Structure formats: structure tokens, C-alpha cells
Amino acid sequence: MTRRLAAAVLAVLLVGSPALAREVHFAGYDWYVRDYPGGPGPNIWNPDDVFVDDEGLHLFIANTGGVWTSTEVVMLGPPLGFGTYEFEVSGRIDIMDRNAVLGLFNYPGSDDIGPGGTNEIDVEITPWGDRQNPNRLNWTVHPAVPGPRAESYHAPLDLPGGASTYRFTWSPESVDYLAHAGYPDSPDYRQIDAWTFAPADFTTRIPQQPLVVHLNLWLLNGIPEGNDTVEVIIRNFRYSPLN
């Protein structure tokens, strides 16, 4: 998705959603179900493959009539600012198709915040299609302004239990990431990785304005490595503002 397209879509949604646009209610928030084409990928986004039930928010990569499609939801309402963002995920995302990408991230809701390549805080689960790459856990902080490079952390991911939780705490001066196997309310909950990005020049290296939460499941170049449907369930999402 380009910044301009994202801004246009969100502007329409804030004024009044199109009659045919789908929305779902999940984790106490309303979400727009993406139905317009484009990046990342590029992908075709199928709103019919998104639904919410007692298990959580279901996202799919699927072959429909010979065409591979992906799924994304975008949080409606005012963008969220500094605070703790937590995502509980159900599924063997550590062994899903190597071209599949699960994205849990903050993204600008307006072109005024900055151009592409800035103002994002990402959790992405994928080896980026590389069979030699053991790393599926990817954390990235994009700078607040053009110029500085994005900073990333990459690590292997092993989730035999099929349950995991990802959390980042975003403040004006740092982004602190945590990954856990299991859920906070389960007995097997344990930390598996952590990373803190706290640069000295934080006003330029860390986003400083409220951002929009996106959840997506998509394909590199719009094509899977294998031929199987991929399903991921976002069990829960929580946001706590920074005190």
C-alpha cells in the first residue's frame, strides 16, 4: 500500500465508509477489511476471507479460482500513540509458507506524517522467501524523518505449541520488543526473545506521531512457495497508553 492510497482510504472511512466496504469488530475496536489492490506484494486482497469468531480474527492466504489472495484489516477511529501494543497469535507461523508474511504493525494514516519508508513500527513473521534464512522473527523501526535507515532485529522462531504473543512498548525515546511462546493467561507462557531500540537521536529515529494499527497476511510477489492455504488467527489485541 502506498502512503497516498492509505491516506485516501482512511479519509473516506473517517467521513463515512462506502456502502459495500466490510468492517469487523475485534478486540474492542472496529476494523476496515481491505478490498483494494496493491502492495505490499503486490497482492490481491480478498475481504471475504476475513472473519471474527470466538477464536479471534481469522486471516487467510488462499487460492480462489486459480488466483492467490491475501487479507488485511486496518483499525478505524483515531490513530494510537505511545504505549504498549500486544498481539496474541494462534497457529504455526514458524513453519508457514516461506513466501507468506504475517504483519502486525503501526503505519501512518496521513501523508502529512511522512513519506514512504518512515514512521512504521513492525512485527513481521517471515523468512522473506529465503530457504537459507533461519530467521522468521523480524522487528523493524522506521525513522520519523527521511534519511536515517530503518533499524531491524532478526531471529529464529520455534513454536511447537502453535501459540505466541508479541509486544512492543513505544515511547518518545525507545521501542522495546518482546516475544513469548504461549499467551499471558497460559501456564506455558515464556519469553523467547527481546530487543530494545533506543537511539541517542530518538526524535529522528523513532516515530513521534500517532499511527494506525494494521494486521495483514500476504505473499511476497503475490505468489506462494507451496500450494497450501495459510490461516492465522489473531487471538487478541491489546493497547495500553503510555503513562
Protein backbone atom coordinates (compact mmCIF):
# COMPACT_ATOMS: atom_id res chain seq x y z
CA MET A 1 0.00 0.00 0.00
CA THR A 2 1.28 3.49 -0.80
CA ARG A 3 1.03 6.30 1.72
CA ARG A 4 -1.22 8.28 -0.61
CA LEU A 5 -3.60 5.35 -1.12
CA ALA A 6 -3.67 4.59 2.61
CA ALA A 7 -4.42 8.22 3.42
CA ALA A 8 -7.21 8.36 0.84
CA VAL A 9 -8.82 5.18 2.12
CA LEU A 10 -8.65 6.26 5.75
CA ALA A 11 -10.02 9.69 4.92
CA VAL A 12 -13.05 8.08 3.30
CA LEU A 13 -13.50 5.76 6.24
CA LEU A 14 -13.36 8.53 8.81
CA VAL A 15 -16.01 10.53 6.95
CA GLY A 16 -18.21 7.57 6.12
CA SER A 17 -17.45 4.07 4.90
CA PRO A 18 -18.57 3.09 1.40
CA ALA A 19 -21.79 1.11 1.40
CA LEU A 20 -20.08 -2.07 0.24
CA ALA A 21 -16.99 -1.83 2.47
CA ARG A 22 -16.70 -4.56 5.08
CA GLU A 23 -15.91 -3.89 8.72
CA VAL A 24 -15.36 -6.29 11.61
CA HIS A 25 -15.33 -5.73 15.35
CA PHE A 26 -12.40 -7.33 17.12
CA ALA A 27 -10.68 -6.84 20.50
CA GLY A 28 -12.85 -3.83 21.31
CA TYR A 29 -12.06 -1.97 18.06
CA ASP A 30 -13.66 -1.63 14.64
CA TRP A 31 -11.52 -2.62 11.65
CA TYR A 32 -11.85 -1.94 7.93
CA VAL A 33 -11.36 -5.08 5.83
CA ARG A 34 -9.13 -4.24 2.92
CA ASP A 35 -10.58 -4.79 -0.54
CA TYR A 36 -8.40 -2.61 -2.78
CA PRO A 37 -5.33 -3.91 -4.70
CA GLY A 38 -1.67 -3.06 -4.36
CA GLY A 39 1.36 -3.53 -2.15
CA PRO A 40 2.89 -4.98 -0.27
CA GLY A 41 3.49 -7.82 -2.60
CA PRO A 42 1.78 -6.80 -4.88
CA ASN A 43 -1.27 -8.74 -3.71
CA ILE A 44 -4.96 -9.15 -4.37
CA TRP A 45 -6.83 -8.63 -1.11
CA ASN A 46 -9.95 -10.70 -0.51
CA PRO A 47 -12.32 -9.27 2.13
CA ASP A 48 -14.40 -12.47 2.08
CA ASP A 49 -11.50 -14.35 3.71
CA VAL A 50 -11.64 -12.31 6.93
CA PHE A 51 -13.96 -13.12 9.82
CA VAL A 52 -14.18 -12.97 13.62
CA ASP A 53 -15.43 -15.73 15.91
CA ASP A 54 -14.77 -16.99 19.44
CA GLU A 55 -11.20 -17.93 18.46
CA GLY A 56 -10.36 -14.41 17.26
CA LEU A 57 -9.68 -12.66 13.96
CA HIS A 58 -9.06 -15.08 11.09
CA LEU A 59 -6.77 -14.08 8.21
CA PHE A 60 -6.11 -16.24 5.15
CA ILE A 61 -3.88 -16.66 2.14
CA ALA A 62 -5.93 -18.76 -0.26
CA ASN A 63 -6.31 -19.80 -3.88
CA THR A 64 -9.69 -18.73 -5.19
CA GLY A 65 -10.45 -19.75 -8.76
CA GLY A 66 -6.77 -20.04 -9.59
CA VAL A 67 -5.86 -16.67 -8.08
CA TRP A 68 -3.90 -16.31 -4.85
CA THR A 69 -5.33 -13.72 -2.48
CA SER A 70 -4.26 -12.17 0.83
CA THR A 71 -6.00 -10.41 3.73
CA GLU A 72 -5.60 -7.23 5.78
CA VAL A 73 -7.55 -5.23 8.34
CA VAL A 74 -6.97 -1.59 9.30
CA MET A 75 -8.07 -0.13 12.63
CA LEU A 76 -10.74 2.56 12.38
CA GLY A 77 -11.02 5.61 14.61
CA PRO A 78 -8.27 7.94 15.84
CA PRO A 79 -4.68 6.69 15.41
CA LEU A 80 -3.00 5.36 18.55
CA GLY A 81 0.08 6.89 20.14
CA PHE A 82 2.80 5.97 22.60
CA GLY A 83 2.01 2.88 24.63
CA THR A 84 2.15 -0.91 24.72
CA TYR A 85 0.79 -2.94 21.80
CA GLU A 86 0.26 -6.67 22.33
CA PHE A 87 -0.78 -9.28 19.77
CA GLU A 88 -1.71 -12.88 20.65
CA VAL A 89 -1.36 -15.22 17.65
CA SER A 90 -2.64 -18.76 17.14
CA GLY A 91 -1.08 -21.00 14.52
CA ARG A 92 2.25 -22.48 13.42
CA ILE A 93 3.52 -19.22 11.99
CA ASP A 94 7.06 -20.56 12.48
CA ILE A 95 6.57 -23.09 9.67
CA MET A 96 4.06 -21.42 7.31
CA ASP A 97 4.82 -20.94 3.60
CA ARG A 98 8.21 -19.26 3.18
CA ASN A 99 6.70 -16.55 0.95
CA ALA A 100 3.97 -15.76 3.47
CA VAL A 101 4.33 -12.67 5.68
CA LEU A 102 2.34 -12.00 8.84
CA GLY A 103 2.42 -8.28 9.61
CA LEU A 104 1.41 -6.71 12.94
CA PHE A 105 2.35 -3.08 12.69
CA ASN A 106 1.74 0.64 13.07
CA TYR A 107 1.54 2.73 9.91
CA PRO A 108 0.78 6.39 9.10
CA GLY A 109 -2.82 7.34 8.47
CA SER A 110 -1.88 10.51 6.60
CA ASP A 111 0.67 11.70 4.05
CA ASP A 112 1.35 14.61 6.40
CA ILE A 113 3.18 12.30 8.82
CA GLY A 114 5.93 11.47 6.36
CA PRO A 115 6.89 9.80 3.05
CA GLY A 116 7.31 6.08 2.41
CA GLY A 117 9.99 4.38 4.46
CA THR A 118 9.28 6.46 7.55
CA ASN A 119 7.05 6.21 10.64
CA GLU A 120 6.42 2.49 10.94
CA ILE A 121 6.84 0.07 13.83
CA ASP A 122 6.75 -3.50 12.55
CA VAL A 123 6.40 -7.06 13.77
CA GLU A 124 6.78 -9.35 10.74
CA ILE A 125 6.92 -13.14 10.79
CA THR A 126 8.58 -14.49 7.65
CA PRO A 127 11.92 -15.72 6.26
CA TRP A 128 11.29 -13.45 3.25
CA GLY A 129 11.18 -16.41 0.87
CA ASP A 130 14.81 -17.41 1.53
CA ARG A 131 15.31 -21.14 2.16
CA GLN A 132 18.73 -20.45 3.72
CA ASN A 133 17.37 -17.86 6.14
CA PRO A 134 16.55 -19.35 9.58
CA ASN A 135 15.09 -16.07 10.85
CA ARG A 136 11.33 -15.69 10.89
CA LEU A 137 11.02 -13.11 13.67
CA ASN A 138 11.58 -9.61 12.28
CA TRP A 139 11.25 -6.38 14.27
CA THR A 140 11.77 -3.06 12.48
CA VAL A 141 11.54 0.60 13.47
CA HIS A 142 11.38 3.09 10.61
CA PRO A 143 12.64 6.63 11.26
CA ALA A 144 10.44 9.63 11.89
CA VAL A 145 12.04 11.58 9.03
CA PRO A 146 13.68 10.70 5.68
CA GLY A 147 17.39 9.99 5.75
CA PRO A 148 18.20 7.62 8.63
CA ARG A 149 17.97 3.93 7.84
CA ALA A 150 15.39 1.68 9.43
CA GLU A 151 16.74 -0.46 12.27
CA SER A 152 15.86 -4.15 12.45
CA TYR A 153 16.34 -7.23 14.57
CA HIS A 154 16.00 -10.78 13.20
CA ALA A 155 15.89 -14.14 14.99
CA PRO A 156 14.77 -17.75 14.56
CA LEU A 157 11.30 -18.69 15.75
CA ASP A 158 10.27 -22.10 17.11
CA LEU A 159 6.65 -22.50 18.25
CA PRO A 160 5.76 -26.19 18.54
CA GLY A 161 2.76 -25.26 20.68
CA GLY A 162 1.32 -23.01 17.97
CA ALA A 163 0.68 -20.12 20.35
CA SER A 164 2.67 -16.89 20.67
CA THR A 165 2.48 -13.31 21.88
CA TYR A 166 4.28 -10.25 20.51
CA ARG A 167 4.53 -6.96 22.35
CA PHE A 168 6.20 -3.63 21.77
CA THR A 169 6.23 -0.60 24.04
CA TRP A 170 6.64 2.59 22.06
CA SER A 171 7.80 5.74 23.83
CA PRO A 172 9.27 9.00 22.50
CA GLU A 173 12.78 7.69 23.22
CA SER A 174 12.64 3.94 22.53
CA VAL A 175 10.79 0.90 21.22
CA ASP A 176 11.03 -2.19 23.45
CA TYR A 177 10.06 -5.51 21.83
CA LEU A 178 9.20 -8.82 23.49
CA ALA A 179 8.21 -12.21 22.04
CA HIS A 180 6.70 -15.01 24.11
CA ALA A 181 5.65 -18.58 23.44
CA GLY A 182 2.11 -19.08 24.71
CA TYR A 183 -0.36 -16.46 25.91
CA PRO A 184 -0.22 -14.30 29.06
CA ASP A 185 -3.05 -16.36 30.61
CA SER A 186 -1.49 -19.77 29.82
CA PRO A 187 0.82 -21.81 32.11
CA ASP A 188 3.41 -22.33 29.36
CA TYR A 189 3.90 -18.59 28.78
CA ARG A 190 7.63 -17.88 28.46
CA GLN A 191 9.82 -15.22 26.92
CA ILE A 192 11.70 -16.31 23.81
CA ASP A 193 13.28 -13.05 22.63
CA ALA A 194 13.63 -9.33 23.29
CA TRP A 195 15.13 -6.26 21.64
CA THR A 196 15.31 -2.59 22.58
CA PHE A 197 15.94 0.19 20.09
CA ALA A 198 16.91 3.36 21.99
CA PRO A 199 19.00 5.67 19.79
CA ALA A 200 20.54 8.88 21.07
CA ASP A 201 18.89 10.82 18.23
CA PHE A 202 15.45 9.43 19.09
CA THR A 203 13.44 12.39 17.73
CA THR A 204 14.53 11.47 14.20
CA ARG A 205 14.92 7.69 14.56
CA ILE A 206 11.67 6.86 16.37
CA PRO A 207 8.15 7.83 15.15
CA GLN A 208 6.74 10.67 17.23
CA GLN A 209 3.15 10.92 15.96
CA PRO A 210 0.10 8.64 16.44
CA LEU A 211 -0.15 5.78 13.93
CA VAL A 212 -2.78 3.33 12.65
CA VAL A 213 -2.68 -0.38 13.54
CA HIS A 214 -2.68 -2.85 10.64
CA LEU A 215 -2.88 -6.65 10.69
CA ASN A 216 -2.16 -8.49 7.47
CA LEU A 217 -1.22 -11.84 5.94
CA TRP A 218 0.31 -11.56 2.49
CA LEU A 219 2.60 -13.08 -0.15
CA LEU A 220 5.96 -11.95 -1.46
CA ASN A 221 5.40 -11.05 -5.13
CA GLY A 222 1.83 -12.31 -4.70
CA ILE A 223 2.93 -15.95 -5.16
CA PRO A 224 3.35 -18.73 -2.53
CA GLU A 225 6.22 -21.19 -2.45
CA GLY A 226 3.83 -24.13 -1.98
CA ASN A 227 0.21 -24.75 -2.80
CA ASP A 228 -1.48 -24.76 0.60
CA THR A 229 -3.93 -22.34 2.19
CA VAL A 230 -2.41 -20.39 5.08
CA GLU A 231 -4.58 -19.44 8.05
CA VAL A 232 -3.51 -17.31 11.01
CA ILE A 233 -5.76 -16.38 13.93
CA ILE A 234 -5.09 -13.20 15.88
CA ARG A 235 -6.44 -14.36 19.24
CA ASN A 236 -6.40 -10.94 20.86
CA PHE A 237 -5.03 -7.40 20.61
CA ARG A 238 -4.45 -5.02 23.48
CA TYR A 239 -3.30 -1.40 23.64
CA SER A 240 -2.34 0.46 26.82
CA PRO A 241 -1.43 4.16 26.52
CA LEU A 242 1.91 5.24 27.92
CA ASN A 243 1.52 6.87 31.32
